[in-house]
Protein backbone atom coordinates (compact mmCIF):
# COMPACT_ATOMS: atom_id res chain seq x y z
CA MET A 1 -35.46 -23.78 11.24
CA ASN A 2 -32.04 -24.96 10.10
CA GLU A 3 -31.07 -28.56 10.59
CA LEU A 4 -27.66 -29.97 11.36
CA ILE A 5 -26.13 -32.19 8.71
CA GLU A 6 -23.44 -34.73 9.44
CA VAL A 7 -20.72 -34.52 6.81
CA LYS A 8 -19.70 -37.94 5.56
CA LYS A 9 -17.37 -36.85 2.75
CA ARG A 10 -14.79 -34.08 3.04
CA ASP A 11 -13.74 -32.79 -0.34
CA GLY A 12 -12.67 -29.61 -2.11
CA LYS A 13 -16.26 -28.46 -2.59
CA LEU A 14 -16.91 -28.68 1.14
CA ALA A 15 -13.65 -26.87 1.86
CA ASP A 16 -14.67 -24.05 -0.50
CA GLU A 17 -18.07 -23.80 1.17
CA LEU A 18 -16.51 -23.72 4.63
CA PHE A 19 -14.09 -21.03 3.50
CA GLN A 20 -17.05 -18.94 2.31
CA VAL A 21 -18.75 -19.37 5.69
CA TRP A 22 -15.54 -18.36 7.46
CA GLN A 23 -15.11 -15.32 5.20
CA LYS A 24 -18.68 -14.10 5.73
CA SER A 25 -18.34 -14.65 9.49
CA VAL A 26 -15.12 -12.63 9.64
CA GLU A 27 -16.63 -9.81 7.61
CA ALA A 28 -19.69 -9.69 9.87
CA THR A 29 -18.00 -10.01 13.24
CA HIS A 30 -14.40 -8.80 13.05
CA LEU A 31 -15.16 -5.12 12.83
CA PHE A 32 -12.40 -4.50 15.37
CA LEU A 33 -9.66 -5.43 12.89
CA THR A 34 -7.62 -2.47 11.81
CA GLU A 35 -4.70 -2.11 9.46
CA LYS A 36 -1.44 -3.79 10.44
CA GLU A 37 -3.12 -6.32 12.66
CA LYS A 38 -1.51 -9.68 13.09
CA VAL A 39 -2.89 -13.15 12.62
CA GLU A 40 -3.47 -14.49 16.12
CA MET A 41 -4.47 -18.05 15.22
CA LEU A 42 -4.89 -20.09 12.10
CA PHE A 43 -5.80 -23.73 12.36
CA LEU A 44 -6.82 -26.23 9.73
CA HIS A 45 -7.91 -29.80 10.16
CA PRO A 46 -5.01 -32.02 9.03
CA ASP A 47 -7.21 -33.57 6.33
CA PHE A 48 -7.09 -30.18 4.61
CA PHE A 49 -3.35 -29.53 4.86
CA ARG A 50 -1.64 -28.93 1.49
CA HIS A 51 -4.89 -28.13 -0.34
CA GLY A 52 -4.26 -24.38 -0.64
CA ILE A 53 -6.80 -23.44 2.03
CA GLY A 54 -4.24 -22.00 4.47
CA THR A 55 -2.71 -19.96 1.67
CA GLU A 56 -6.15 -18.64 0.72
CA LEU A 57 -6.88 -17.68 4.32
CA VAL A 58 -3.57 -15.89 4.75
CA ASN A 59 -3.94 -14.11 1.39
CA TYR A 60 -7.40 -12.97 2.47
CA ALA A 61 -5.97 -11.68 5.76
CA ILE A 62 -3.17 -9.86 3.93
CA HIS A 63 -5.29 -8.29 1.19
CA LYS A 64 -8.63 -7.69 2.90
CA CYS A 65 -7.59 -7.11 6.53
CA LYS A 66 -4.16 -5.60 5.80
CA VAL A 67 -2.38 -8.11 8.03
CA THR A 68 1.38 -7.65 8.04
CA HIS A 69 2.46 -9.66 11.11
CA VAL A 70 2.09 -13.15 12.50
CA ASP A 71 3.63 -14.96 15.47
CA VAL A 72 4.51 -18.64 15.36
CA ASN A 73 5.96 -21.04 17.91
CA GLU A 74 9.55 -21.71 16.90
CA GLN A 75 9.05 -25.42 17.57
CA ASN A 76 6.22 -25.55 15.01
CA ARG A 77 8.49 -25.96 11.98
CA ARG A 78 5.64 -26.80 9.63
CA ALA A 79 3.79 -23.56 10.42
CA TYR A 80 7.02 -21.55 10.32
CA GLU A 81 7.90 -22.90 6.87
CA PHE A 82 4.33 -22.26 5.69
CA TYR A 83 4.49 -18.59 6.69
CA LEU A 84 7.87 -18.19 5.00
CA SER A 85 6.39 -19.70 1.83
CA VAL A 86 3.57 -17.14 1.74
CA GLY A 87 5.87 -14.14 2.09
CA PHE A 88 6.72 -13.59 5.75
CA LYS A 89 10.20 -13.23 7.24
CA VAL A 90 11.51 -13.32 10.81
CA GLU A 91 11.53 -9.88 12.39
CA SER A 92 12.38 -10.86 15.98
CA ARG A 93 12.25 -13.69 18.53
CA SER A 94 10.97 -13.99 22.10
CA GLU A 95 12.29 -16.65 24.47
CA LEU A 96 8.91 -17.00 26.21
CA ASP A 97 5.35 -17.21 24.90
CA GLU A 98 2.67 -14.69 25.97
CA GLN A 99 1.87 -16.77 29.08
CA GLY A 100 5.51 -16.75 30.17
CA ASN A 101 6.12 -20.39 29.24
CA PRO A 102 9.49 -21.42 27.78
CA PHE A 103 8.21 -21.77 24.21
CA SER A 104 10.10 -19.41 21.94
CA ILE A 105 8.01 -17.31 19.58
CA LEU A 106 9.12 -16.03 16.19
CA HIS A 107 7.60 -12.68 15.26
CA LEU A 108 7.19 -12.60 11.50
CA LYS A 109 6.58 -9.65 9.21
CA LEU A 110 5.32 -9.67 5.66
CA LYS A 111 8.16 -8.96 3.24
CA GLU A 112 7.95 -5.73 1.31
CA GLN A 113 6.37 -6.41 -2.06
CA SER A 114 8.46 -5.26 -4.98
CA CYS A 115 6.73 -3.83 -8.05
């Protein structure tokens, strides 16, 4: 039987191990993903911001899952700037979120890669 371990130290090694767990989980459970899917949610604990983990996750989604679209709340400037930095551009904008709330959504598309 597996035992739970309380993590006392969060470091790059742990982040790499967690990424591997996430990757294996996605491969085993996300059989419904098809080409041109969009990233629905991507969250990182703030302790792991600016460590390259988000970039790795998005690159995985782009290259392994063929993701070409992502939506981001316009008010979330940090996320918006992140997605621009990894190759997305604004394709369109909605005034309301999917629940009809007045939170504008930017619909981003991966830029065409030039050879």
